[in-house]
């Protein structure tokens, strides 16, 4: 059970980081265009 909790936390953290990365890339591309 503890392993599942740890895996779920890692998955959520990975998704959060991916979202943050996507936001940075989108802002960078927007900045490059102007």
PDB file of N, CA and C in Angstrom:
ATOM      1  N   UNK A   1       0.842  -1.212   0.000  1.00  0.00           N
ATOM      2  CA  UNK A   1       0.000   0.000   0.000  1.00  0.00           C
ATOM      3  C   UNK A   1       0.876   1.261   0.000  1.00  0.00           C
ATOM      4  N   UNK A   2       1.908   1.265   0.831  1.00  0.00           N
ATOM      5  CA  UNK A   2       2.793   2.429   0.863  1.00  0.00           C
ATOM      6  C   UNK A   2       3.464   2.650  -0.480  1.00  0.00           C
ATOM      7  N   UNK A   3       3.785   1.527  -1.163  1.00  0.00           N
ATOM      8  CA  UNK A   3       4.424   1.648  -2.468  1.00  0.00           C
ATOM      9  C   UNK A   3       3.485   2.318  -3.463  1.00  0.00           C
ATOM     10  N   UNK A   4       2.213   1.966  -3.414  1.00  0.00           N
ATOM     11  CA  UNK A   4       1.230   2.578  -4.313  1.00  0.00           C
ATOM     12  C   UNK A   4       1.115   4.076  -4.054  1.00  0.00           C
ATOM     13  N   UNK A   5       1.138   4.442  -2.767  1.00  0.00           N
ATOM     14  CA  UNK A   5       1.057   5.863  -2.418  1.00  0.00           C
ATOM     15  C   UNK A   5       2.270   6.602  -2.985  1.00  0.00           C
ATOM     16  N   UNK A   6       3.439   5.997  -2.845  1.00  0.00           N
ATOM     17  CA  UNK A   6       4.663   6.620  -3.338  1.00  0.00           C
ATOM     18  C   UNK A   6       4.625   6.750  -4.859  1.00  0.00           C
ATOM     19  N   UNK A   7       4.136   5.709  -5.519  1.00  0.00           N
ATOM     20  CA  UNK A   7       4.047   5.745  -6.979  1.00  0.00           C
ATOM     21  C   UNK A   7       3.063   6.806  -7.439  1.00  0.00           C
ATOM     22  N   UNK A   8       1.936   6.909  -6.743  1.00  0.00           N
ATOM     23  CA  UNK A   8       0.934   7.915  -7.109  1.00  0.00           C
ATOM     24  C   UNK A   8       1.492   9.319  -6.925  1.00  0.00           C
ATOM     25  N   UNK A   9       2.261   9.514  -5.849  1.00  0.00           N
ATOM     26  CA  UNK A   9       2.866  10.818  -5.608  1.00  0.00           C
ATOM     27  C   UNK A   9       3.870  11.152  -6.695  1.00  0.00           C
ATOM     28  N   UNK A  10       4.673  10.160  -7.071  1.00  0.00           N
ATOM     29  CA  UNK A  10       5.683  10.382  -8.112  1.00  0.00           C
ATOM     30  C   UNK A  10       5.003  10.713  -9.436  1.00  0.00           C
ATOM     31  N   UNK A  11       3.914  10.007  -9.734  1.00  0.00           N
ATOM     32  CA  UNK A  11       3.189  10.252 -10.978  1.00  0.00           C
ATOM     33  C   UNK A  11       2.603  11.664 -10.986  1.00  0.00           C
ATOM     34  N   UNK A  12       2.014  12.068  -9.871  1.00  0.00           N
ATOM     35  CA  UNK A  12       1.423  13.402  -9.781  1.00  0.00           C
ATOM     36  C   UNK A  12       2.504  14.473  -9.914  1.00  0.00           C
ATOM     37  N   UNK A  13       3.652  14.224  -9.292  1.00  0.00           N
ATOM     38  CA  UNK A  13       4.751  15.190  -9.364  1.00  0.00           C
ATOM     39  C   UNK A  13       5.268  15.292 -10.798  1.00  0.00           C
ATOM     40  N   UNK A  14       5.373  14.149 -11.469  1.00  0.00           N
ATOM     41  CA  UNK A  14       5.840  14.139 -12.857  1.00  0.00           C
ATOM     42  C   UNK A  14       4.880  14.927 -13.738  1.00  0.00           C
ATOM     43  N   UNK A  15       3.581  14.726 -13.534  1.00  0.00           N
ATOM     44  CA  UNK A  15       2.585  15.438 -14.337  1.00  0.00           C
ATOM     45  C   UNK A  15       2.628  16.939 -14.060  1.00  0.00           C
ATOM     46  N   UNK A  16       2.876  17.300 -12.783  1.00  0.00           N
ATOM     47  CA  UNK A  16       2.948  18.714 -12.423  1.00  0.00           C
ATOM     48  C   UNK A  16       4.160  19.363 -13.099  1.00  0.00           C
ATOM     49  N   UNK A  17       5.281  18.650 -13.077  1.00  0.00           N
ATOM     50  CA  UNK A  17       6.484  19.175 -13.714  1.00  0.00           C
ATOM     51  C   UNK A  17       6.298  19.278 -15.224  1.00  0.00           C
ATOM     52  N   UNK A  18       5.621  18.282 -15.806  1.00  0.00           N
ATOM     53  CA  UNK A  18       5.387  18.310 -17.254  1.00  0.00           C
ATOM     54  C   UNK A  18       4.526  19.518 -17.622  1.00  0.00           C
ATOM     55  N   UNK A  19       3.519  19.806 -16.796  1.00  0.00           N
ATOM     56  CA  UNK A  19       2.644  20.953 -17.057  1.00  0.00           C
ATOM     57  C   UNK A  19       3.439  22.253 -16.947  1.00  0.00           C
ATOM     58  N   UNK A  20       4.312  22.328 -15.963  1.00  0.00           N
ATOM     59  CA  UNK A  20       5.123  23.527 -15.782  1.00  0.00           C
ATOM     60  C   UNK A  20       6.073  23.702 -16.965  1.00  0.00           C
ATOM     61  N   UNK A  21       6.645  22.589 -17.429  1.00  0.00           N
ATOM     62  CA  UNK A  21       7.545  22.636 -18.581  1.00  0.00           C
ATOM     63  C   UNK A  21       6.797  23.092 -19.821  1.00  0.00           C
ATOM     64  N   UNK A  22       5.602  22.550 -20.033  1.00  0.00           N
ATOM     65  CA  UNK A  22       4.803  22.928 -21.200  1.00  0.00           C
ATOM     66  C   UNK A  22       4.479  24.415 -21.170  1.00  0.00           C
ATOM     67  N   UNK A  23       4.202  24.938 -19.969  1.00  0.00           N
ATOM     68  CA  UNK A  23       3.893  26.356 -19.826  1.00  0.00           C
ATOM     69  C   UNK A  23       5.117  27.202 -20.199  1.00  0.00           C
ATOM     70  N   UNK A  24       6.288  26.771 -19.723  1.00  0.00           N
ATOM     71  CA  UNK A  24       7.513  27.506 -20.036  1.00  0.00           C
ATOM     72  C   UNK A  24       7.782  27.507 -21.536  1.00  0.00           C
ATOM     73  N   UNK A  25       7.610  26.358 -22.167  1.00  0.00           N
ATOM     74  CA  UNK A  25       7.837  26.252 -23.615  1.00  0.00           C
ATOM     75  C   UNK A  25       6.862  27.153 -24.369  1.00  0.00           C
ATOM     76  N   UNK A  26       5.603  27.155 -23.947  1.00  0.00           N
ATOM     77  CA  UNK A  26       4.597  27.976 -24.613  1.00  0.00           C
ATOM     78  C   UNK A  26       4.938  29.458 -24.474  1.00  0.00           C
ATOM     79  N   UNK A  27       5.382  29.865 -23.283  1.00  0.00           N
ATOM     80  CA  UNK A  27       5.740  31.267 -23.068  1.00  0.00           C
ATOM     81  C   UNK A  27       6.976  31.639 -23.879  1.00  0.00           C
ATOM     82  N   UNK A  28       7.925  30.716 -23.958  1.00  0.00           N
ATOM     83  CA  UNK A  28       9.144  30.970 -24.719  1.00  0.00           C
ATOM     84  C   UNK A  28       8.819  31.152 -26.195  1.00  0.00           C
ATOM     85  N   UNK A  29       7.980  30.263 -26.726  1.00  0.00           N
ATOM     86  CA  UNK A  29       7.602  30.361 -28.138  1.00  0.00           C
ATOM     87  C   UNK A  29       6.860  31.660 -28.405  1.00  0.00           C
ATOM     88  N   UNK A  30       5.992  32.036 -27.472  1.00  0.00           N
ATOM     89  CA  UNK A  30       5.240  33.273 -27.639  1.00  0.00           C
ATOM     90  C   UNK A  30       6.207  34.465 -27.648  1.00  0.00           C
ATOM     91  N   UNK A  31       7.207  34.411 -26.777  1.00  0.00           N
ATOM     92  CA  UNK A  31       8.194  35.485 -26.708  1.00  0.00           C
ATOM     93  C   UNK A  31       9.041  35.551 -27.973  1.00  0.00           C
ATOM     94  N   UNK A  32       9.326  34.388 -28.564  1.00  0.00           N
ATOM     95  CA  UNK A  32      10.135  34.347 -29.787  1.00  0.00           C
ATOM     96  C   UNK A  32       9.404  34.972 -30.966  1.00  0.00           C
ATOM     97  N   UNK A  33       8.093  34.838 -30.966  1.00  0.00           N
ATOM     98  CA  UNK A  33       7.297  35.340 -32.090  1.00  0.00           C
ATOM     99  C   UNK A  33       7.271  36.858 -32.142  1.00  0.00           C
ATOM    100  N   UNK A  34       7.252  37.504 -30.974  1.00  0.00           N
ATOM    101  CA  UNK A  34       7.117  38.962 -30.951  1.00  0.00           C
ATOM    102  C   UNK A  34       8.453  39.683 -31.126  1.00  0.00           C
TER     103      UNK A  34
END
